[in-house]
Amino acid sequence: MRKKTFTMRTAAKPKWKESGKSVEEIVAKLRKSVPQSPYREQSLRIHGLICAKCAREFDYTDRHLLTVHHRDGNHNNNPPDGSNWENLCVYCHDEEHQKGMLGDYFSEGEKQ
C-alpha cells in the first residue's frame, strides 16, 4: 500500500492598504452605501423610535437596531399612512418571524 503524503499550505495573508481615513469617515461612507428601504425613514417618523412590542426606546445613535415589520407579511404593501408597518427592534422582529415559522411547523403536523 502506498503511503500518502500531505503538504501543508500556508494561508495567504490579506493585503491591507493604508487609506489614511479616520474610522469615522469610513463608517460614514459605509452607512451611506447601505441600501435603505424607502419606507423605513417614513415609518420611523410616523411611529417614532420605539419598539412596538417591547417598548424599548431608541435614539439616533442606535436607531439601526429598529426594523420595519410588515403586519400582513406583504413587503409590497406600503401605504403612505404606515398602517401596515410597525417598528420592531431586531430581537422582537426575529421573534415575530420565528413565531410564524413555529406556527407553520405545527400546522403542517396537524394536516397529516
PDB file of N, CA and C in Angstrom:
ATOM      1  N   MET A   1       0.837  -1.173   0.000  1.00  0.00           N
ATOM      2  CA  MET A   1       0.000   0.000   0.000  1.00  0.00           C
ATOM      3  C   MET A   1       0.887   1.242   0.000  1.00  0.00           C
ATOM      4  N   ARG A   2       0.490   2.217  -0.800  1.00  0.00           N
ATOM      5  CA  ARG A   2       1.264   3.450  -0.896  1.00  0.00           C
ATOM      6  C   ARG A   2       1.027   4.341   0.292  1.00  0.00           C
ATOM      7  N   LYS A   3       2.032   4.966   0.721  1.00  0.00           N
ATOM      8  CA  LYS A   3       1.928   5.923   1.819  1.00  0.00           C
ATOM      9  C   LYS A   3       1.525   7.286   1.255  1.00  0.00           C
ATOM     10  N   LYS A   4       0.489   7.880   1.825  1.00  0.00           N
ATOM     11  CA  LYS A   4       0.026   9.185   1.349  1.00  0.00           C
ATOM     12  C   LYS A   4       0.842  10.264   2.040  1.00  0.00           C
ATOM     13  N   THR A   5       1.188  11.233   1.290  1.00  0.00           N
ATOM     14  CA  THR A   5       1.901  12.364   1.857  1.00  0.00           C
ATOM     15  C   THR A   5       1.047  13.616   1.709  1.00  0.00           C
ATOM     16  N   PHE A   6       1.162  14.443   2.689  1.00  0.00           N
ATOM     17  CA  PHE A   6       0.402  15.680   2.678  1.00  0.00           C
ATOM     18  C   PHE A   6       1.362  16.847   2.764  1.00  0.00           C
ATOM     19  N   THR A   7       0.997  17.896   2.083  1.00  0.00           N
ATOM     20  CA  THR A   7       1.805  19.104   2.194  1.00  0.00           C
ATOM     21  C   THR A   7       0.973  20.164   2.895  1.00  0.00           C
ATOM     22  N   MET A   8       1.596  20.893   3.747  1.00  0.00           N
ATOM     23  CA  MET A   8       0.914  21.960   4.471  1.00  0.00           C
ATOM     24  C   MET A   8       0.970  23.235   3.648  1.00  0.00           C
ATOM     25  N   ARG A   9      -0.168  23.815   3.438  1.00  0.00           N
ATOM     26  CA  ARG A   9      -0.219  25.091   2.726  1.00  0.00           C
ATOM     27  C   ARG A   9      -0.382  26.201   3.744  1.00  0.00           C
ATOM     28  N   THR A  10       0.301  27.255   3.506  1.00  0.00           N
ATOM     29  CA  THR A  10       0.135  28.402   4.384  1.00  0.00           C
ATOM     30  C   THR A  10      -0.914  29.321   3.779  1.00  0.00           C
ATOM     31  N   ALA A  11      -1.722  29.839   4.627  1.00  0.00           N
ATOM     32  CA  ALA A  11      -2.787  30.737   4.164  1.00  0.00           C
ATOM     33  C   ALA A  11      -2.176  32.028   3.650  1.00  0.00           C
ATOM     34  N   ALA A  12      -2.753  32.502   2.570  1.00  0.00           N
ATOM     35  CA  ALA A  12      -2.286  33.769   2.008  1.00  0.00           C
ATOM     36  C   ALA A  12      -2.679  34.890   2.965  1.00  0.00           C
ATOM     37  N   LYS A  13      -1.796  35.746   3.252  1.00  0.00           N
ATOM     38  CA  LYS A  13      -2.067  36.860   4.145  1.00  0.00           C
ATOM     39  C   LYS A  13      -2.794  37.960   3.379  1.00  0.00           C
ATOM     40  N   PRO A  14      -3.823  38.526   3.986  1.00  0.00           N
ATOM     41  CA  PRO A  14      -4.527  39.608   3.292  1.00  0.00           C
ATOM     42  C   PRO A  14      -3.624  40.824   3.155  1.00  0.00           C
ATOM     43  N   LYS A  15      -3.817  41.487   2.051  1.00  0.00           N
ATOM     44  CA  LYS A  15      -3.046  42.706   1.805  1.00  0.00           C
ATOM     45  C   LYS A  15      -3.870  43.891   2.292  1.00  0.00           C
ATOM     46  N   TRP A  16      -3.349  44.577   3.254  1.00  0.00           N
ATOM     47  CA  TRP A  16      -4.036  45.727   3.821  1.00  0.00           C
ATOM     48  C   TRP A  16      -3.477  47.000   3.221  1.00  0.00           C
ATOM     49  N   LYS A  17      -4.379  47.884   2.893  1.00  0.00           N
ATOM     50  CA  LYS A  17      -3.971  49.183   2.377  1.00  0.00           C
ATOM     51  C   LYS A  17      -4.211  50.229   3.446  1.00  0.00           C
ATOM     52  N   GLU A  18      -3.331  51.101   3.582  1.00  0.00           N
ATOM     53  CA  GLU A  18      -3.496  52.245   4.468  1.00  0.00           C
ATOM     54  C   GLU A  18      -4.261  53.295   3.686  1.00  0.00           C
ATOM     55  N   SER A  19      -5.468  53.597   4.120  1.00  0.00           N
ATOM     56  CA  SER A  19      -6.278  54.557   3.373  1.00  0.00           C
ATOM     57  C   SER A  19      -6.037  55.992   3.826  1.00  0.00           C
ATOM     58  N   GLY A  20      -5.568  56.147   5.035  1.00  0.00           N
ATOM     59  CA  GLY A  20      -5.353  57.481   5.554  1.00  0.00           C
ATOM     60  C   GLY A  20      -6.628  58.140   6.048  1.00  0.00           C
ATOM     61  N   LYS A  21      -7.749  57.390   6.045  1.00  0.00           N
ATOM     62  CA  LYS A  21      -9.018  57.939   6.507  1.00  0.00           C
ATOM     63  C   LYS A  21      -9.245  57.556   7.959  1.00  0.00           C
ATOM     64  N   SER A  22      -9.982  58.391   8.654  1.00  0.00           N
ATOM     65  CA  SER A  22     -10.305  58.088  10.040  1.00  0.00           C
ATOM     66  C   SER A  22     -11.425  57.042  10.083  1.00  0.00           C
ATOM     67  N   VAL A  23     -11.597  56.437  11.236  1.00  0.00           N
ATOM     68  CA  VAL A  23     -12.646  55.437  11.409  1.00  0.00           C
ATOM     69  C   VAL A  23     -14.016  56.062  11.171  1.00  0.00           C
ATOM     70  N   GLU A  24     -14.206  57.286  11.642  1.00  0.00           N
ATOM     71  CA  GLU A  24     -15.492  57.964  11.474  1.00  0.00           C
ATOM     72  C   GLU A  24     -15.821  58.172   9.992  1.00  0.00           C
ATOM     73  N   GLU A  25     -14.805  58.517   9.194  1.00  0.00           N
ATOM     74  CA  GLU A  25     -15.025  58.708   7.754  1.00  0.00           C
ATOM     75  C   GLU A  25     -15.400  57.395   7.085  1.00  0.00           C
ATOM     76  N   ILE A  26     -14.751  56.321   7.467  1.00  0.00           N
ATOM     77  CA  ILE A  26     -15.052  55.014   6.881  1.00  0.00           C
ATOM     78  C   ILE A  26     -16.455  54.564   7.257  1.00  0.00           C
ATOM     79  N   VAL A  27     -16.828  54.737   8.520  1.00  0.00           N
ATOM     80  CA  VAL A  27     -18.160  54.347   8.977  1.00  0.00           C
ATOM     81  C   VAL A  27     -19.228  55.177   8.280  1.00  0.00           C
ATOM     82  N   ALA A  28     -18.996  56.472   8.139  1.00  0.00           N
ATOM     83  CA  ALA A  28     -19.964  57.337   7.450  1.00  0.00           C
ATOM     84  C   ALA A  28     -20.143  56.903   6.004  1.00  0.00           C
ATOM     85  N   LYS A  29     -19.060  56.545   5.359  1.00  0.00           N
ATOM     86  CA  LYS A  29     -19.138  56.084   3.966  1.00  0.00           C
ATOM     87  C   LYS A  29     -19.908  54.775   3.874  1.00  0.00           C
ATOM     88  N   LEU A  30     -19.668  53.860   4.795  1.00  0.00           N
ATOM     89  CA  LEU A  30     -20.381  52.589   4.788  1.00  0.00           C
ATOM     90  C   LEU A  30     -21.866  52.772   5.050  1.00  0.00           C
ATOM     91  N   ARG A  31     -22.203  53.675   5.965  1.00  0.00           N
ATOM     92  CA  ARG A  31     -23.620  53.916   6.257  1.00  0.00           C
ATOM     93  C   ARG A  31     -24.353  54.480   5.050  1.00  0.00           C
ATOM     94  N   LYS A  32     -23.669  55.309   4.273  1.00  0.00           N
ATOM     95  CA  LYS A  32     -24.289  55.868   3.075  1.00  0.00           C
ATOM     96  C   LYS A  32     -24.457  54.810   1.999  1.00  0.00           C
ATOM     97  N   SER A  33     -23.561  53.817   1.969  1.00  0.00           N
ATOM     98  CA  SER A  33     -23.602  52.813   0.913  1.00  0.00           C
ATOM     99  C   SER A  33     -24.610  51.706   1.189  1.00  0.00           C
ATOM    100  N   VAL A  34     -25.082  51.563   2.434  1.00  0.00           N
ATOM    101  CA  VAL A  34     -26.049  50.532   2.764  1.00  0.00           C
ATOM    102  C   VAL A  34     -27.401  50.938   2.206  1.00  0.00           C
ATOM    103  N   PRO A  35     -27.994  50.074   1.374  1.00  0.00           N
ATOM    104  CA  PRO A  35     -29.294  50.450   0.805  1.00  0.00           C
ATOM    105  C   PRO A  35     -30.366  50.456   1.879  1.00  0.00           C
ATOM    106  N   GLN A  36     -31.148  51.489   1.917  1.00  0.00           N
ATOM    107  CA  GLN A  36     -32.235  51.625   2.879  1.00  0.00           C
ATOM    108  C   GLN A  36     -33.552  51.524   2.123  1.00  0.00           C
ATOM    109  N   SER A  37     -34.527  50.910   2.767  1.00  0.00           N
ATOM    110  CA  SER A  37     -35.835  50.832   2.147  1.00  0.00           C
ATOM    111  C   SER A  37     -36.443  52.235   2.148  1.00  0.00           C
ATOM    112  N   PRO A  38     -37.176  52.574   1.097  1.00  0.00           N
ATOM    113  CA  PRO A  38     -37.735  53.929   1.016  1.00  0.00           C
ATOM    114  C   PRO A  38     -38.770  54.201   2.102  1.00  0.00           C
ATOM    115  N   TYR A  39     -39.402  53.170   2.646  1.00  0.00           N
ATOM    116  CA  TYR A  39     -40.434  53.370   3.652  1.00  0.00           C
ATOM    117  C   TYR A  39     -39.878  53.355   5.074  1.00  0.00           C
ATOM    118  N   ARG A  40     -38.632  52.965   5.275  1.00  0.00           N
ATOM    119  CA  ARG A  40     -38.076  52.853   6.623  1.00  0.00           C
ATOM    120  C   ARG A  40     -38.080  54.203   7.353  1.00  0.00           C
ATOM    121  N   GLU A  41     -37.528  55.208   6.701  1.00  0.00           N
ATOM    122  CA  GLU A  41     -37.479  56.536   7.332  1.00  0.00           C
ATOM    123  C   GLU A  41     -38.877  57.077   7.589  1.00  0.00           C
ATOM    124  N   GLN A  42     -39.778  56.807   6.661  1.00  0.00           N
ATOM    125  CA  GLN A  42     -41.155  57.274   6.827  1.00  0.00           C
ATOM    126  C   GLN A  42     -41.805  56.584   8.042  1.00  0.00           C
ATOM    127  N   SER A  43     -41.552  55.289   8.188  1.00  0.00           N
ATOM    128  CA  SER A  43     -42.103  54.559   9.322  1.00  0.00           C
ATOM    129  C   SER A  43     -41.509  55.050  10.642  1.00  0.00           C
ATOM    130  N   LEU A  44     -40.215  55.345  10.638  1.00  0.00           N
ATOM    131  CA  LEU A  44     -39.587  55.857  11.854  1.00  0.00           C
ATOM    132  C   LEU A  44     -40.157  57.221  12.240  1.00  0.00           C
ATOM    133  N   ARG A  45     -40.476  58.064  11.232  1.00  0.00           N
ATOM    134  CA  ARG A  45     -41.077  59.368  11.510  1.00  0.00           C
ATOM    135  C   ARG A  45     -42.499  59.222  12.059  1.00  0.00           C
ATOM    136  N   ILE A  46     -43.272  58.313  11.455  1.00  0.00           N
ATOM    137  CA  ILE A  46     -44.677  58.150  11.851  1.00  0.00           C
ATOM    138  C   ILE A  46     -44.798  57.513  13.239  1.00  0.00           C
ATOM    139  N   HIS A  47     -44.100  56.402  13.428  1.00  0.00           N
ATOM    140  CA  HIS A  47     -44.271  55.600  14.649  1.00  0.00           C
ATOM    141  C   HIS A  47     -43.261  55.915  15.749  1.00  0.00           C
ATOM    142  N   GLY A  48     -42.244  56.668  15.429  1.00  0.00           N
ATOM    143  CA  GLY A  48     -41.256  57.041  16.437  1.00  0.00           C
ATOM    144  C   GLY A  48     -40.164  55.991  16.617  1.00  0.00           C
ATOM    145  N   LEU A  49     -39.176  56.345  17.415  1.00  0.00           N
ATOM    146  CA  LEU A  49     -38.031  55.463  17.646  1.00  0.00           C
ATOM    147  C   LEU A  49     -38.285  54.583  18.868  1.00  0.00           C
ATOM    148  N   ILE A  50     -39.313  53.751  18.761  1.00  0.00           N
ATOM    149  CA  ILE A  50     -39.692  52.866  19.863  1.00  0.00           C
ATOM    150  C   ILE A  50     -40.169  51.538  19.279  1.00  0.00           C
ATOM    151  N   CYS A  51     -39.820  50.448  19.945  1.00  0.00           N
ATOM    152  CA  CYS A  51     -40.255  49.124  19.504  1.00  0.00           C
ATOM    153  C   CYS A  51     -41.719  48.941  19.889  1.00  0.00           C
ATOM    154  N   ALA A  52     -42.538  48.535  18.932  1.00  0.00           N
ATOM    155  CA  ALA A  52     -43.972  48.377  19.172  1.00  0.00           C
ATOM    156  C   ALA A  52     -44.284  47.179  20.059  1.00  0.00           C
ATOM    157  N   LYS A  53     -43.335  46.262  20.221  1.00  0.00           N
ATOM    158  CA  LYS A  53     -43.595  45.066  21.008  1.00  0.00           C
ATOM    159  C   LYS A  53     -43.059  45.177  22.439  1.00  0.00           C
ATOM    160  N   CYS A  54     -41.782  45.501  22.588  1.00  0.00           N
ATOM    161  CA  CYS A  54     -41.180  45.536  23.927  1.00  0.00           C
ATOM    162  C   CYS A  54     -41.099  46.951  24.505  1.00  0.00           C
ATOM    163  N   ALA A  55     -41.457  47.956  23.722  1.00  0.00           N
ATOM    164  CA  ALA A  55     -41.493  49.367  24.134  1.00  0.00           C
ATOM    165  C   ALA A  55     -40.108  49.929  24.452  1.00  0.00           C
ATOM    166  N   ARG A  56     -39.053  49.297  23.953  1.00  0.00           N
ATOM    167  CA  ARG A  56     -37.713  49.849  24.157  1.00  0.00           C
ATOM    168  C   ARG A  56     -37.579  51.115  23.330  1.00  0.00           C
ATOM    169  N   GLU A  57     -37.029  52.131  23.926  1.00  0.00           N
ATOM    170  CA  GLU A  57     -36.847  53.398  23.228  1.00  0.00           C
ATOM    171  C   GLU A  57     -35.442  53.480  22.646  1.00  0.00           C
ATOM    172  N   PHE A  58     -35.341  54.086  21.492  1.00  0.00           N
ATOM    173  CA  PHE A  58     -34.080  54.232  20.787  1.00  0.00           C
ATOM    174  C   PHE A  58     -33.800  55.703  20.536  1.00  0.00           C
ATOM    175  N   ASP A  59     -32.555  56.012  20.255  1.00  0.00           N
ATOM    176  CA  ASP A  59     -32.208  57.368  19.848  1.00  0.00           C
ATOM    177  C   ASP A  59     -31.437  57.271  18.538  1.00  0.00           C
ATOM    178  N   TYR A  60     -30.908  58.376  18.097  1.00  0.00           N
ATOM    179  CA  TYR A  60     -30.278  58.390  16.786  1.00  0.00           C
ATOM    180  C   TYR A  60     -28.959  57.624  16.734  1.00  0.00           C
ATOM    181  N   THR A  61     -28.379  57.303  17.903  1.00  0.00           N
ATOM    182  CA  THR A  61     -27.127  56.538  17.886  1.00  0.00           C
ATOM    183  C   THR A  61     -27.365  55.048  17.709  1.00  0.00           C
ATOM    184  N   ASP A  62     -28.535  54.538  18.119  1.00  0.00           N
ATOM    185  CA  ASP A  62     -28.793  53.109  17.980  1.00  0.00           C
ATOM    186  C   ASP A  62     -30.063  52.807  17.182  1.00  0.00           C
ATOM    187  N   ARG A  63     -30.492  53.737  16.379  1.00  0.00           N
ATOM    188  CA  ARG A  63     -31.708  53.549  15.582  1.00  0.00           C
ATOM    189  C   ARG A  63     -31.576  52.452  14.542  1.00  0.00           C
ATOM    190  N   HIS A  64     -30.330  52.057  14.226  1.00  0.00           N
ATOM    191  CA  HIS A  64     -30.128  50.972  13.272  1.00  0.00           C
ATOM    192  C   HIS A  64     -30.654  49.641  13.823  1.00  0.00           C
ATOM    193  N   LEU A  65     -30.929  49.573  15.127  1.00  0.00           N
ATOM    194  CA  LEU A  65     -31.477  48.361  15.725  1.00  0.00           C
ATOM    195  C   LEU A  65     -32.989  48.254  15.560  1.00  0.00           C
ATOM    196  N   LEU A  66     -33.621  49.289  15.015  1.00  0.00           N
ATOM    197  CA  LEU A  66     -35.056  49.257  14.735  1.00  0.00           C
ATOM    198  C   LEU A  66     -35.288  48.820  13.301  1.00  0.00           C
ATOM    199  N   THR A  67     -36.214  47.915  13.119  1.00  0.00           N
ATOM    200  CA  THR A  67     -36.557  47.448  11.775  1.00  0.00           C
ATOM    201  C   THR A  67     -38.042  47.706  11.535  1.00  0.00           C
ATOM    202  N   VAL A  68     -38.435  47.671  10.280  1.00  0.00           N
ATOM    203  CA  VAL A  68     -39.840  47.853   9.925  1.00  0.00           C
ATOM    204  C   VAL A  68     -40.425  46.483   9.611  1.00  0.00           C
ATOM    205  N   HIS A  69     -41.455  46.119  10.351  1.00  0.00           N
ATOM    206  CA  HIS A  69     -42.145  44.838  10.146  1.00  0.00           C
ATOM    207  C   HIS A  69     -43.450  45.109   9.420  1.00  0.00           C
ATOM    208  N   HIS A  70     -43.713  44.332   8.376  1.00  0.00           N
ATOM    209  CA  HIS A  70     -44.980  44.433   7.653  1.00  0.00           C
ATOM    210  C   HIS A  70     -45.988  43.520   8.346  1.00  0.00           C
ATOM    211  N   ARG A  71     -47.039  44.091   8.845  1.00  0.00           N
ATOM    212  CA  ARG A  71     -48.018  43.316   9.624  1.00  0.00           C
ATOM    213  C   ARG A  71     -48.648  42.205   8.810  1.00  0.00           C
ATOM    214  N   ASP A  72     -48.943  42.472   7.531  1.00  0.00           N
ATOM    215  CA  ASP A  72     -49.590  41.444   6.715  1.00  0.00           C
ATOM    216  C   ASP A  72     -48.581  40.548   5.988  1.00  0.00           C
ATOM    217  N   GLY A  73     -47.284  40.804   6.166  1.00  0.00           N
ATOM    218  CA  GLY A  73     -46.261  39.975   5.543  1.00  0.00           C
ATOM    219  C   GLY A  73     -45.967  40.331   4.100  1.00  0.00           C
ATOM    220  N   ASN A  74     -46.688  41.283   3.533  1.00  0.00           N
ATOM    221  CA  ASN A  74     -46.503  41.683   2.144  1.00  0.00           C
ATOM    222  C   ASN A  74     -45.589  42.908   2.095  1.00  0.00           C
ATOM    223  N   HIS A  75     -44.373  42.702   1.616  1.00  0.00           N
ATOM    224  CA  HIS A  75     -43.405  43.803   1.574  1.00  0.00           C
ATOM    225  C   HIS A  75     -43.714  44.830   0.491  1.00  0.00           C
ATOM    226  N   ASN A  76     -44.650  44.517  -0.372  1.00  0.00           N
ATOM    227  CA  ASN A  76     -45.052  45.487  -1.395  1.00  0.00           C
ATOM    228  C   ASN A  76     -46.228  46.345  -0.940  1.00  0.00           C
ATOM    229  N   ASN A  77     -46.835  46.001   0.183  1.00  0.00           N
ATOM    230  CA  ASN A  77     -47.959  46.758   0.711  1.00  0.00           C
ATOM    231  C   ASN A  77     -47.408  47.847   1.627  1.00  0.00           C
ATOM    232  N   ASN A  78     -47.169  49.012   1.058  1.00  0.00           N
ATOM    233  CA  ASN A  78     -46.576  50.133   1.785  1.00  0.00           C
ATOM    234  C   ASN A  78     -47.455  51.369   1.689  1.00  0.00           C
ATOM    235  N   PRO A  79     -48.556  51.397   2.446  1.00  0.00           N
ATOM    236  CA  PRO A  79     -49.435  52.570   2.388  1.00  0.00           C
ATOM    237  C   PRO A  79     -48.744  53.793   2.977  1.00  0.00           C
ATOM    238  N   PRO A  80     -49.024  54.964   2.435  1.00  0.00           N
ATOM    239  CA  PRO A  80     -48.355  56.176   2.904  1.00  0.00           C
ATOM    240  C   PRO A  80     -48.665  56.531   4.359  1.00  0.00           C
ATOM    241  N   ASP A  81     -49.789  56.021   4.899  1.00  0.00           N
ATOM    242  CA  ASP A  81     -50.109  56.328   6.303  1.00  0.00           C
ATOM    243  C   ASP A  81     -49.411  55.372   7.274  1.00  0.00           C
ATOM    244  N   GLY A  82     -48.700  54.360   6.759  1.00  0.00           N
ATOM    245  CA  GLY A  82     -47.944  53.441   7.601  1.00  0.00           C
ATOM    246  C   GLY A  82     -48.786  52.437   8.354  1.00  0.00           C
ATOM    247  N   SER A  83     -50.016  52.204   7.907  1.00  0.00           N
ATOM    248  CA  SER A  83     -50.913  51.311   8.637  1.00  0.00           C
ATOM    249  C   SER A  83     -50.481  49.844   8.574  1.00  0.00           C
ATOM    250  N   ASN A  84     -49.625  49.473   7.641  1.00  0.00           N
ATOM    251  CA  ASN A  84     -49.147  48.089   7.539  1.00  0.00           C
ATOM    252  C   ASN A  84     -47.786  47.899   8.200  1.00  0.00           C
ATOM    253  N   TRP A  85     -47.236  48.926   8.784  1.00  0.00           N
ATOM    254  CA  TRP A  85     -45.906  48.844   9.369  1.00  0.00           C
ATOM    255  C   TRP A  85     -45.961  48.916  10.883  1.00  0.00           C
ATOM    256  N   GLU A  86     -44.972  48.306  11.497  1.00  0.00           N
ATOM    257  CA  GLU A  86     -44.705  48.545  12.908  1.00  0.00           C
ATOM    258  C   GLU A  86     -43.199  48.461  13.093  1.00  0.00           C
ATOM    259  N   ASN A  87     -42.668  49.368  13.888  1.00  0.00           N
ATOM    260  CA  ASN A  87     -41.234  49.375  14.163  1.00  0.00           C
ATOM    261  C   ASN A  87     -40.954  48.375  15.271  1.00  0.00           C
ATOM    262  N   LEU A  88     -40.091  47.410  14.970  1.00  0.00           N
ATOM    263  CA  LEU A  88     -39.698  46.414  15.954  1.00  0.00           C
ATOM    264  C   LEU A  88     -38.182  46.418  16.077  1.00  0.00           C
ATOM    265  N   CYS A  89     -37.689  46.212  17.306  1.00  0.00           N
ATOM    266  CA  CYS A  89     -36.240  46.066  17.458  1.00  0.00           C
ATOM    267  C   CYS A  89     -35.841  44.742  16.801  1.00  0.00           C
ATOM    268  N   VAL A  90     -34.575  44.579  16.527  1.00  0.00           N
ATOM    269  CA  VAL A  90     -34.130  43.381  15.804  1.00  0.00           C
ATOM    270  C   VAL A  90     -34.486  42.111  16.571  1.00  0.00           C
ATOM    271  N   TYR A  91     -34.501  42.160  17.894  1.00  0.00           N
ATOM    272  CA  TYR A  91     -34.807  40.979  18.696  1.00  0.00           C
ATOM    273  C   TYR A  91     -36.284  40.605  18.576  1.00  0.00           C
ATOM    274  N   CYS A  92     -37.160  41.588  18.710  1.00  0.00           N
ATOM    275  CA  CYS A  92     -38.594  41.329  18.587  1.00  0.00           C
ATOM    276  C   CYS A  92     -38.965  40.947  17.155  1.00  0.00           C
ATOM    277  N   HIS A  93     -38.304  41.553  16.182  1.00  0.00           N
ATOM    278  CA  HIS A  93     -38.580  41.226  14.790  1.00  0.00           C
ATOM    279  C   HIS A  93     -38.220  39.773  14.513  1.00  0.00           C
ATOM    280  N   ASP A  94     -37.069  39.351  15.019  1.00  0.00           N
ATOM    281  CA  ASP A  94     -36.661  37.967  14.848  1.00  0.00           C
ATOM    282  C   ASP A  94     -37.657  37.033  15.536  1.00  0.00           C
ATOM    283  N   GLU A  95     -38.075  37.390  16.737  1.00  0.00           N
ATOM    284  CA  GLU A  95     -39.048  36.576  17.473  1.00  0.00           C
ATOM    285  C   GLU A  95     -40.378  36.485  16.727  1.00  0.00           C
ATOM    286  N   GLU A  96     -40.790  37.590  16.133  1.00  0.00           N
ATOM    287  CA  GLU A  96     -42.050  37.616  15.382  1.00  0.00           C
ATOM    288  C   GLU A  96     -42.014  36.634  14.213  1.00  0.00           C
ATOM    289  N   HIS A  97     -40.901  36.599  13.504  1.00  0.00           N
ATOM    290  CA  HIS A  97     -40.793  35.683  12.363  1.00  0.00           C
ATOM    291  C   HIS A  97     -40.588  34.246  12.823  1.00  0.00           C
ATOM    292  N   GLN A  98     -39.910  34.028  13.944  1.00  0.00           N
ATOM    293  CA  GLN A  98     -39.767  32.681  14.485  1.00  0.00           C
ATOM    294  C   GLN A  98     -41.119  32.132  14.920  1.00  0.00           C
ATOM    295  N   LYS A  99     -41.944  33.001  15.474  1.00  0.00           N
ATOM    296  CA  LYS A  99     -43.284  32.598  15.912  1.00  0.00           C
ATOM    297  C   LYS A  99     -44.092  32.103  14.714  1.00  0.00           C
ATOM    298  N   GLY A 100     -43.972  32.801  13.594  1.00  0.00           N
ATOM    299  CA  GLY A 100     -44.675  32.381  12.387  1.00  0.00           C
ATOM    300  C   GLY A 100     -44.166  31.061  11.859  1.00  0.00           C
ATOM    301  N   MET A 101     -42.859  30.870  11.918  1.00  0.00           N
ATOM    302  CA  MET A 101     -42.279  29.618  11.449  1.00  0.00           C
ATOM    303  C   MET A 101     -42.701  28.456  12.340  1.00  0.00           C
ATOM    304  N   LEU A 102     -42.756  28.686  13.646  1.00  0.00           N
ATOM    305  CA  LEU A 102     -43.164  27.646  14.581  1.00  0.00           C
ATOM    306  C   LEU A 102     -44.625  27.279  14.360  1.00  0.00           C
ATOM    307  N   GLY A 103     -45.455  28.276  14.129  1.00  0.00           N
ATOM    308  CA  GLY A 103     -46.866  28.009  13.847  1.00  0.00           C
ATOM    309  C   GLY A 103     -47.039  27.216  12.560  1.00  0.00           C
ATOM    310  N   ASP A 104     -46.266  27.561  11.538  1.00  0.00           N
ATOM    311  CA  ASP A 104     -46.319  26.816  10.277  1.00  0.00           C
ATOM    312  C   ASP A 104     -45.895  25.369  10.482  1.00  0.00           C
ATOM    313  N   TYR A 105     -44.878  25.169  11.305  1.00  0.00           N
ATOM    314  CA  TYR A 105     -44.373  23.823  11.575  1.00  0.00           C
ATOM    315  C   TYR A 105     -45.445  22.974  12.247  1.00  0.00           C
ATOM    316  N   PHE A 106     -46.107  23.529  13.271  1.00  0.00           N
ATOM    317  CA  PHE A 106     -47.123  22.769  13.973  1.00  0.00           C
ATOM    318  C   PHE A 106     -48.374  22.562  13.130  1.00  0.00           C
ATOM    319  N   SER A 107     -48.717  23.522  12.295  1.00  0.00           N
ATOM    320  CA  SER A 107     -49.900  23.360  11.467  1.00  0.00           C
ATOM    321  C   SER A 107     -49.674  22.311  10.377  1.00  0.00           C
ATOM    322  N   GLU A 108     -48.437  22.122   9.940  1.00  0.00           N
ATOM    323  CA  GLU A 108     -48.112  21.066   8.971  1.00  0.00           C
ATOM    324  C   GLU A 108     -48.347  19.696   9.594  1.00  0.00           C
ATOM    325  N   GLY A 109     -48.024  19.550  10.883  1.00  0.00           N
ATOM    326  CA  GLY A 109     -48.209  18.277  11.573  1.00  0.00           C
ATOM    327  C   GLY A 109     -49.669  17.907  11.724  1.00  0.00           C
ATOM    328  N   GLU A 110     -50.541  18.907  11.855  1.00  0.00           N
ATOM    329  CA  GLU A 110     -51.974  18.649  12.014  1.00  0.00           C
ATOM    330  C   GLU A 110     -52.605  18.190  10.714  1.00  0.00           C
ATOM    331  N   LYS A 111     -52.046  18.597   9.580  1.00  0.00           N
ATOM    332  CA  LYS A 111     -52.612  18.237   8.276  1.00  0.00           C
ATOM    333  C   LYS A 111     -52.403  16.771   7.950  1.00  0.00           C
ATOM    334  N   GLN A 112     -51.364  16.176   8.517  1.00  0.00           N
ATOM    335  CA  GLN A 112     -51.046  14.789   8.171  1.00  0.00           C
ATOM    336  C   GLN A 112     -51.874  13.794   8.920  1.00  0.00           C
TER     337      GLN A 112
END
